[in-house]
Amino acid sequence: MYSRSAPMRTGGRGIWGKTRSEKKKQDAQWLDPTFAAQLERRHRELQKLIDQECQNGNQYMIRMKQKHEMEVKRKETIHKEYMKHLDEISHKRKPLKKAEPIPSFILRWNEEHQKILWERFVQYCNIGVSRFELVEVMSGSRFFSFMRHCGFVNEVKSSKIIANIRVKAREARRRHKMPPLPAEVIEKSRAYHGPGALTPANIDILFTKVQRKNKYPRKVIDFDGFCELVERVSIQVFQETPPVCRAKAIEVIKEVKVILTGTKSKANRFHDDKSTYTGVWRNGGPRPLSTVVTLCNMMDRSPADVRGVNLYYSQHKLNPFPIRRVQR
């Protein structure tokens, strides 16, 4: 049973409760710099009084001061132990490995070598592309054709029987004065006439290794990957130290030219002889701008309002479709 004089904690009021306005006033006091300065001054005055009482021999004040110092030390030790615990937890977790920067293979070549490589890279990237566009990524097929033209690829390590068949087929084509095959053209005009150390499969494997480092979703390489691939291929072909291989590869790449071996269409009488044309094509074909009456000329294309009525009729309040009364 509570006595009538003792206040009860009901709602948010009572002795322990505070209204919102009182809380706002208290928050405003802490934001005021003068209030904080007053509290600091008052705290210093109390410390001086406690020190004076301890010097005068007040046993109660001495005991309270000792308790306060012990409490401060206890809180400091708890804080230190907690910080140690946090450090141990953080050390147990594996730290995230920083992504190592990808080494630029462009910088391994001299400035003159870079210019030569860039010219060949752009030439082979833009084979079959419009002259108004510039492609700066190379596909696997383009790189393989570049290696063929350089002479670094031994396309087919065939048997003696297949080699003899090919020799006889070439001789027969020469006798009948037939045009050479694309492979024969490439063999004649390749820059490096030494033994090719790589097969098409080797080129494809090297290309996929370098392509995985790139950011492109398609199977292509940029100029940095192109420089890396040329270096790797030169090391496998010449089998010497990288600087010597780079120098030898550049000497070969200087002489490389883009070889386009496309097919030519045969003569067709119905296409080449214009006297065989019939219909509209006999008179020169259809014209985009002709005087023939079409729907475009027949329809009324003058401006109209929202409802589709001609503006002339709507402005002058005329009926575009007058009712015709038939006299009987």
Protein backbone atom coordinates (compact mmCIF):
# COMPACT_ATOMS: atom_id res chain seq x y z
CA MET A 1 0.00 0.00 0.00
CA TYR A 2 1.29 3.42 -0.96
CA SER A 3 0.60 6.35 1.28
CA ARG A 4 -1.28 9.29 -0.10
CA SER A 5 1.74 11.58 0.28
CA ALA A 6 4.08 9.27 -1.73
CA PRO A 7 3.86 9.94 -5.49
CA MET A 8 3.23 6.97 -7.76
CA ARG A 9 4.97 6.36 -11.09
CA THR A 10 1.95 6.55 -13.35
CA GLY A 11 2.18 7.37 -17.02
CA GLY A 12 5.34 9.34 -17.92
CA ARG A 13 5.14 11.96 -15.18
CA GLY A 14 5.73 11.48 -11.43
CA ILE A 15 9.10 12.20 -9.77
CA TRP A 16 11.19 10.17 -12.27
CA GLY A 17 9.31 11.15 -15.44
CA LYS A 18 9.87 14.29 -17.49
CA THR A 19 7.68 15.97 -20.04
CA ARG A 20 8.83 16.61 -23.61
CA SER A 21 9.17 20.34 -23.00
CA GLU A 22 11.48 19.70 -20.01
CA LYS A 23 13.62 17.33 -22.09
CA LYS A 24 13.88 19.93 -24.87
CA LYS A 25 15.01 22.56 -22.35
CA GLN A 26 17.68 20.19 -21.00
CA ASP A 27 18.95 19.42 -24.53
CA ALA A 28 19.06 23.13 -25.30
CA GLN A 29 21.17 23.73 -22.17
CA TRP A 30 23.79 21.20 -23.32
CA LEU A 31 23.97 22.87 -26.72
CA ASP A 32 24.64 26.25 -25.10
CA PRO A 33 28.45 26.86 -24.79
CA THR A 34 28.06 29.17 -21.77
CA PHE A 35 26.27 26.40 -19.84
CA ALA A 36 29.14 23.98 -20.50
CA ALA A 37 31.68 26.57 -19.39
CA GLN A 38 29.75 27.11 -16.14
CA LEU A 39 29.74 23.35 -15.44
CA GLU A 40 33.50 23.12 -16.02
CA ARG A 41 34.16 26.05 -13.67
CA ARG A 42 31.93 24.51 -11.00
CA HIS A 43 33.72 21.13 -11.37
CA ARG A 44 37.14 22.77 -10.85
CA GLU A 45 35.88 24.59 -7.73
CA LEU A 46 34.61 21.30 -6.26
CA GLN A 47 37.96 19.61 -6.95
CA LYS A 48 39.77 22.41 -5.11
CA LEU A 49 37.43 22.12 -2.12
CA ILE A 50 37.91 18.32 -1.98
CA ASP A 51 41.73 18.72 -2.11
CA GLN A 52 41.62 21.30 0.71
CA GLU A 53 39.45 19.04 2.89
CA CYS A 54 41.83 16.11 2.31
CA GLN A 55 44.81 18.27 3.27
CA ASN A 56 43.01 19.37 6.45
CA GLY A 57 42.56 15.72 7.42
CA ASN A 58 38.89 15.08 6.64
CA GLN A 59 38.74 11.27 6.72
CA TYR A 60 35.40 11.05 4.93
CA MET A 61 36.67 13.08 1.95
CA ILE A 62 39.89 11.04 1.83
CA ARG A 63 37.92 7.76 1.63
CA MET A 64 35.58 9.13 -1.09
CA LYS A 65 38.52 10.35 -3.14
CA GLN A 66 40.20 6.93 -2.89
CA LYS A 67 36.97 5.19 -4.00
CA HIS A 68 36.67 7.55 -6.96
CA GLU A 69 40.27 6.88 -8.07
CA MET A 70 39.74 3.10 -7.78
CA GLU A 71 36.56 3.33 -9.88
CA VAL A 72 38.40 5.29 -12.58
CA LYS A 73 41.21 2.70 -12.69
CA ARG A 74 38.69 -0.15 -12.89
CA LYS A 75 36.94 1.44 -15.90
CA GLU A 76 40.28 2.01 -17.63
CA THR A 77 41.29 -1.66 -17.22
CA ILE A 78 37.91 -2.84 -18.53
CA HIS A 79 38.28 -0.58 -21.55
CA LYS A 80 41.80 -1.90 -22.27
CA GLU A 81 40.67 -5.54 -22.02
CA TYR A 82 37.74 -4.84 -24.34
CA MET A 83 40.02 -3.22 -26.94
CA LYS A 84 42.39 -6.22 -26.77
CA HIS A 85 39.45 -8.55 -27.35
CA LEU A 86 38.42 -6.55 -30.42
CA ASP A 87 41.97 -6.71 -31.79
CA GLU A 88 42.09 -10.50 -31.36
CA ILE A 89 38.77 -10.90 -33.19
CA SER A 90 39.94 -8.71 -36.06
CA HIS A 91 43.25 -10.62 -36.39
CA LYS A 92 41.44 -13.97 -36.55
CA ARG A 93 39.54 -12.84 -39.63
CA LYS A 94 41.46 -13.24 -42.85
CA PRO A 95 42.33 -9.81 -44.23
CA LEU A 96 41.06 -9.06 -47.71
CA LYS A 97 43.76 -9.36 -50.35
CA LYS A 98 44.30 -6.20 -52.33
CA ALA A 99 43.97 -6.66 -56.06
CA GLU A 100 47.44 -6.57 -57.56
CA PRO A 101 47.77 -4.20 -60.53
CA ILE A 102 48.00 -5.99 -63.86
CA PRO A 103 51.50 -5.41 -65.31
CA SER A 104 51.44 -3.40 -68.52
CA PHE A 105 53.19 -5.31 -71.30
CA ILE A 106 53.17 -2.21 -73.50
CA LEU A 107 55.97 -0.66 -71.42
CA ARG A 108 58.28 -3.62 -72.15
CA TRP A 109 58.59 -2.43 -75.75
CA ASN A 110 60.45 0.69 -76.92
CA GLU A 111 58.55 3.71 -78.23
CA GLU A 112 59.45 2.86 -81.84
CA HIS A 113 58.37 -0.75 -81.33
CA GLN A 114 55.11 0.43 -79.76
CA LYS A 115 54.31 2.53 -82.84
CA ILE A 116 54.94 -0.42 -85.18
CA LEU A 117 52.83 -2.76 -83.05
CA TRP A 118 50.01 -0.17 -82.81
CA GLU A 119 49.92 0.23 -86.62
CA ARG A 120 49.66 -3.53 -87.17
CA PHE A 121 47.11 -3.86 -84.35
CA VAL A 122 44.81 -1.22 -85.86
CA GLN A 123 45.22 -2.66 -89.39
CA TYR A 124 44.19 -6.17 -88.40
CA CYS A 125 41.41 -5.04 -86.04
CA ASN A 126 39.72 -3.02 -88.78
CA ILE A 127 39.72 -5.67 -91.56
CA GLY A 128 36.23 -5.61 -93.07
CA VAL A 129 35.14 -2.58 -91.00
CA SER A 130 33.80 0.68 -92.42
CA ARG A 131 36.38 3.44 -92.86
CA PHE A 132 34.23 5.70 -90.70
CA GLU A 133 34.68 3.39 -87.68
CA LEU A 134 37.73 2.50 -85.57
CA VAL A 135 37.86 -0.83 -83.71
CA GLU A 136 40.45 -1.16 -80.94
CA VAL A 137 39.89 -4.78 -79.89
CA MET A 138 41.16 -7.88 -81.69
CA SER A 139 39.40 -11.21 -82.02
CA GLY A 140 41.10 -14.61 -82.09
CA SER A 141 40.63 -15.07 -85.84
CA ARG A 142 42.27 -11.72 -86.59
CA PHE A 143 45.24 -12.54 -84.38
CA PHE A 144 45.61 -15.96 -86.01
CA SER A 145 45.66 -14.38 -89.48
CA PHE A 146 48.30 -11.92 -88.22
CA MET A 147 50.45 -14.83 -87.01
CA ARG A 148 50.01 -16.62 -90.35
CA HIS A 149 51.13 -13.56 -92.27
CA CYS A 150 54.13 -13.23 -89.96
CA GLY A 151 55.06 -16.87 -90.63
CA PHE A 152 55.07 -17.97 -86.98
CA VAL A 153 52.47 -20.73 -87.51
CA ASN A 154 53.05 -24.19 -88.89
CA GLU A 155 49.45 -24.75 -89.93
CA VAL A 156 49.47 -28.52 -90.51
CA LYS A 157 52.22 -30.87 -89.46
CA SER A 158 51.19 -33.37 -92.11
CA SER A 159 52.61 -36.68 -93.25
CA LYS A 160 54.81 -37.18 -96.32
CA ILE A 161 51.91 -38.56 -98.38
CA ILE A 162 49.76 -35.43 -97.81
CA ALA A 163 52.76 -33.19 -98.53
CA ASN A 164 53.40 -34.95 -101.89
CA ILE A 165 49.71 -34.62 -102.84
CA ARG A 166 49.86 -30.89 -102.17
CA VAL A 167 53.02 -30.45 -104.25
CA LYS A 168 51.43 -32.28 -107.22
CA ALA A 169 48.23 -30.22 -106.89
CA ARG A 170 50.23 -26.97 -106.99
CA GLU A 171 52.16 -28.07 -110.06
CA ALA A 172 48.90 -28.96 -111.85
CA ARG A 173 47.41 -25.53 -111.05
CA ARG A 174 50.51 -23.83 -112.42
CA ARG A 175 50.40 -25.83 -115.67
CA HIS A 176 46.78 -24.87 -116.32
CA LYS A 177 47.54 -21.24 -115.31
CA MET A 178 44.96 -21.29 -112.53
CA PRO A 179 45.08 -18.66 -109.74
CA PRO A 180 46.92 -19.77 -106.58
CA LEU A 181 45.04 -20.79 -103.46
CA PRO A 182 44.92 -18.42 -100.45
CA ALA A 183 47.34 -20.66 -98.51
CA GLU A 184 49.86 -20.44 -101.38
CA VAL A 185 49.59 -16.65 -101.48
CA ILE A 186 50.21 -16.43 -97.73
CA GLU A 187 53.19 -18.79 -97.91
CA LYS A 188 54.83 -16.67 -100.63
CA SER A 189 54.27 -13.31 -98.94
CA ARG A 190 54.89 -14.22 -95.30
CA ALA A 191 57.57 -12.19 -93.51
CA TYR A 192 59.37 -14.97 -91.59
CA HIS A 193 60.48 -18.02 -93.62
CA GLY A 194 61.90 -20.01 -90.74
CA PRO A 195 60.28 -23.09 -89.23
CA GLY A 196 57.00 -22.25 -87.54
CA ALA A 197 57.09 -23.50 -83.96
CA LEU A 198 53.38 -23.07 -83.20
CA THR A 199 50.23 -24.83 -84.34
CA PRO A 200 46.75 -23.23 -84.51
CA ALA A 201 45.89 -24.98 -81.23
CA ASN A 202 48.91 -23.38 -79.51
CA ILE A 203 47.85 -19.94 -80.73
CA ASP A 204 44.32 -20.49 -79.45
CA ILE A 205 45.57 -21.60 -76.00
CA LEU A 206 47.83 -18.55 -75.65
CA PHE A 207 45.00 -16.27 -76.77
CA THR A 208 42.57 -17.63 -74.14
CA LYS A 209 45.21 -17.26 -71.39
CA VAL A 210 45.68 -13.58 -72.16
CA GLN A 211 41.99 -12.94 -72.88
CA ARG A 212 40.93 -14.00 -69.36
CA LYS A 213 42.77 -11.02 -67.85
CA ASN A 214 40.71 -8.54 -69.86
CA LYS A 215 37.53 -6.77 -68.80
CA TYR A 216 35.68 -7.45 -72.06
CA PRO A 217 32.82 -10.00 -72.03
CA ARG A 218 33.60 -11.16 -75.58
CA LYS A 219 36.65 -13.21 -76.50
CA VAL A 220 38.80 -10.25 -77.58
CA ILE A 221 42.03 -8.57 -76.47
CA ASP A 222 43.11 -4.95 -76.27
CA PHE A 223 46.49 -3.48 -77.24
CA ASP A 224 48.10 -4.50 -73.93
CA GLY A 225 47.05 -8.12 -74.48
CA PHE A 226 48.29 -7.95 -78.08
CA CYS A 227 51.77 -6.88 -76.88
CA GLU A 228 51.81 -9.73 -74.34
CA LEU A 229 50.75 -12.30 -76.95
CA VAL A 230 53.39 -11.19 -79.46
CA GLU A 231 56.06 -11.50 -76.75
CA ARG A 232 54.92 -14.98 -75.74
CA VAL A 233 54.82 -16.19 -79.33
CA SER A 234 58.26 -14.74 -80.11
CA ILE A 235 59.77 -16.52 -77.07
CA GLN A 236 58.37 -19.88 -78.26
CA VAL A 237 59.50 -19.32 -81.88
CA PHE A 238 63.03 -17.96 -81.34
CA GLN A 239 63.69 -19.61 -77.92
CA GLU A 240 66.02 -16.93 -76.58
CA THR A 241 65.89 -14.25 -73.87
CA PRO A 242 62.85 -11.93 -73.97
CA PRO A 243 64.74 -8.78 -75.11
CA VAL A 244 66.35 -10.64 -78.03
CA CYS A 245 63.02 -12.26 -78.96
CA ARG A 246 61.29 -8.87 -78.96
CA ALA A 247 63.94 -7.38 -81.25
CA LYS A 248 63.69 -10.28 -83.71
CA ALA A 249 59.88 -10.21 -83.66
CA ILE A 250 59.83 -6.49 -84.49
CA GLU A 251 62.10 -7.08 -87.50
CA VAL A 252 59.56 -9.61 -88.82
CA ILE A 253 56.48 -7.49 -87.98
CA LYS A 254 57.91 -4.49 -89.89
CA GLU A 255 57.63 -6.44 -93.17
CA VAL A 256 54.12 -7.81 -92.54
CA LYS A 257 51.35 -6.62 -94.85
CA VAL A 258 47.63 -7.32 -94.65
CA ILE A 259 46.84 -10.07 -97.18
CA LEU A 260 43.20 -10.27 -98.29
CA THR A 261 42.45 -13.45 -100.23
CA GLY A 262 38.78 -13.08 -101.06
CA THR A 263 36.83 -14.99 -103.71
CA LYS A 264 35.91 -13.39 -107.04
CA SER A 265 32.53 -13.92 -108.63
CA LYS A 266 32.34 -15.65 -112.01
CA ALA A 267 30.80 -14.10 -115.10
CA ASN A 268 26.98 -14.23 -115.24
CA ARG A 269 25.24 -13.48 -118.54
CA PHE A 270 21.94 -12.39 -117.00
CA HIS A 271 23.70 -9.91 -114.71
CA ASP A 272 26.51 -8.57 -116.91
CA ASP A 273 24.57 -8.26 -120.20
CA LYS A 274 22.06 -5.44 -119.73
CA SER A 275 20.19 -6.32 -122.94
CA THR A 276 18.78 -9.38 -121.12
CA TYR A 277 17.06 -7.20 -118.45
CA THR A 278 13.23 -7.28 -118.33
CA GLY A 279 10.45 -5.32 -116.65
CA VAL A 280 11.29 -2.13 -114.76
CA TRP A 281 15.01 -2.88 -114.89
CA ARG A 282 14.94 -2.69 -118.71
CA ASN A 283 14.19 1.05 -118.40
CA GLY A 284 16.79 1.76 -115.75
CA GLY A 285 15.00 0.49 -112.63
CA PRO A 286 12.55 2.15 -110.23
CA ARG A 287 13.01 5.79 -109.21
CA PRO A 288 12.47 7.07 -105.67
CA LEU A 289 10.98 10.39 -106.88
CA SER A 290 8.65 9.85 -109.82
CA THR A 291 5.61 11.71 -111.22
CA VAL A 292 3.40 8.63 -110.99
CA VAL A 293 0.14 9.19 -109.08
CA THR A 294 0.22 7.32 -105.78
CA LEU A 295 -1.63 7.44 -102.45
CA CYS A 296 0.80 10.15 -101.32
CA ASN A 297 -0.43 12.44 -104.13
CA MET A 298 -4.07 11.40 -103.94
CA MET A 299 -4.59 11.88 -100.19
CA ASP A 300 -5.07 15.27 -98.53
CA ARG A 301 -1.92 15.82 -96.44
CA SER A 302 -2.81 19.36 -95.21
CA PRO A 303 -2.69 20.01 -91.41
CA ALA A 304 -5.62 18.87 -89.27
CA ASP A 305 -6.91 19.45 -85.75
CA VAL A 306 -7.12 16.96 -82.85
CA ARG A 307 -10.20 15.23 -84.29
CA GLY A 308 -8.62 14.82 -87.72
CA VAL A 309 -10.66 17.57 -89.41
CA ASN A 310 -8.90 19.83 -91.90
CA LEU A 311 -7.88 23.12 -90.27
CA TYR A 312 -9.35 25.13 -93.14
CA TYR A 313 -12.83 23.65 -92.55
CA SER A 314 -12.60 23.89 -88.75
CA GLN A 315 -11.50 27.57 -88.78
CA HIS A 316 -14.23 28.63 -91.20
CA LYS A 317 -16.81 26.39 -89.52
CA LEU A 318 -17.54 24.48 -92.67
CA ASN A 319 -18.70 20.91 -92.94
CA PRO A 320 -16.06 18.90 -94.81
CA PHE A 321 -18.66 16.26 -95.70
CA PRO A 322 -21.85 18.15 -96.70
CA ILE A 323 -25.10 16.23 -96.78
CA ARG A 324 -26.31 15.77 -100.31
CA ARG A 325 -30.06 15.89 -100.62
CA VAL A 326 -31.37 13.91 -103.52
CA GLN A 327 -34.44 15.47 -105.16
CA ARG A 328 -37.16 12.97 -105.89
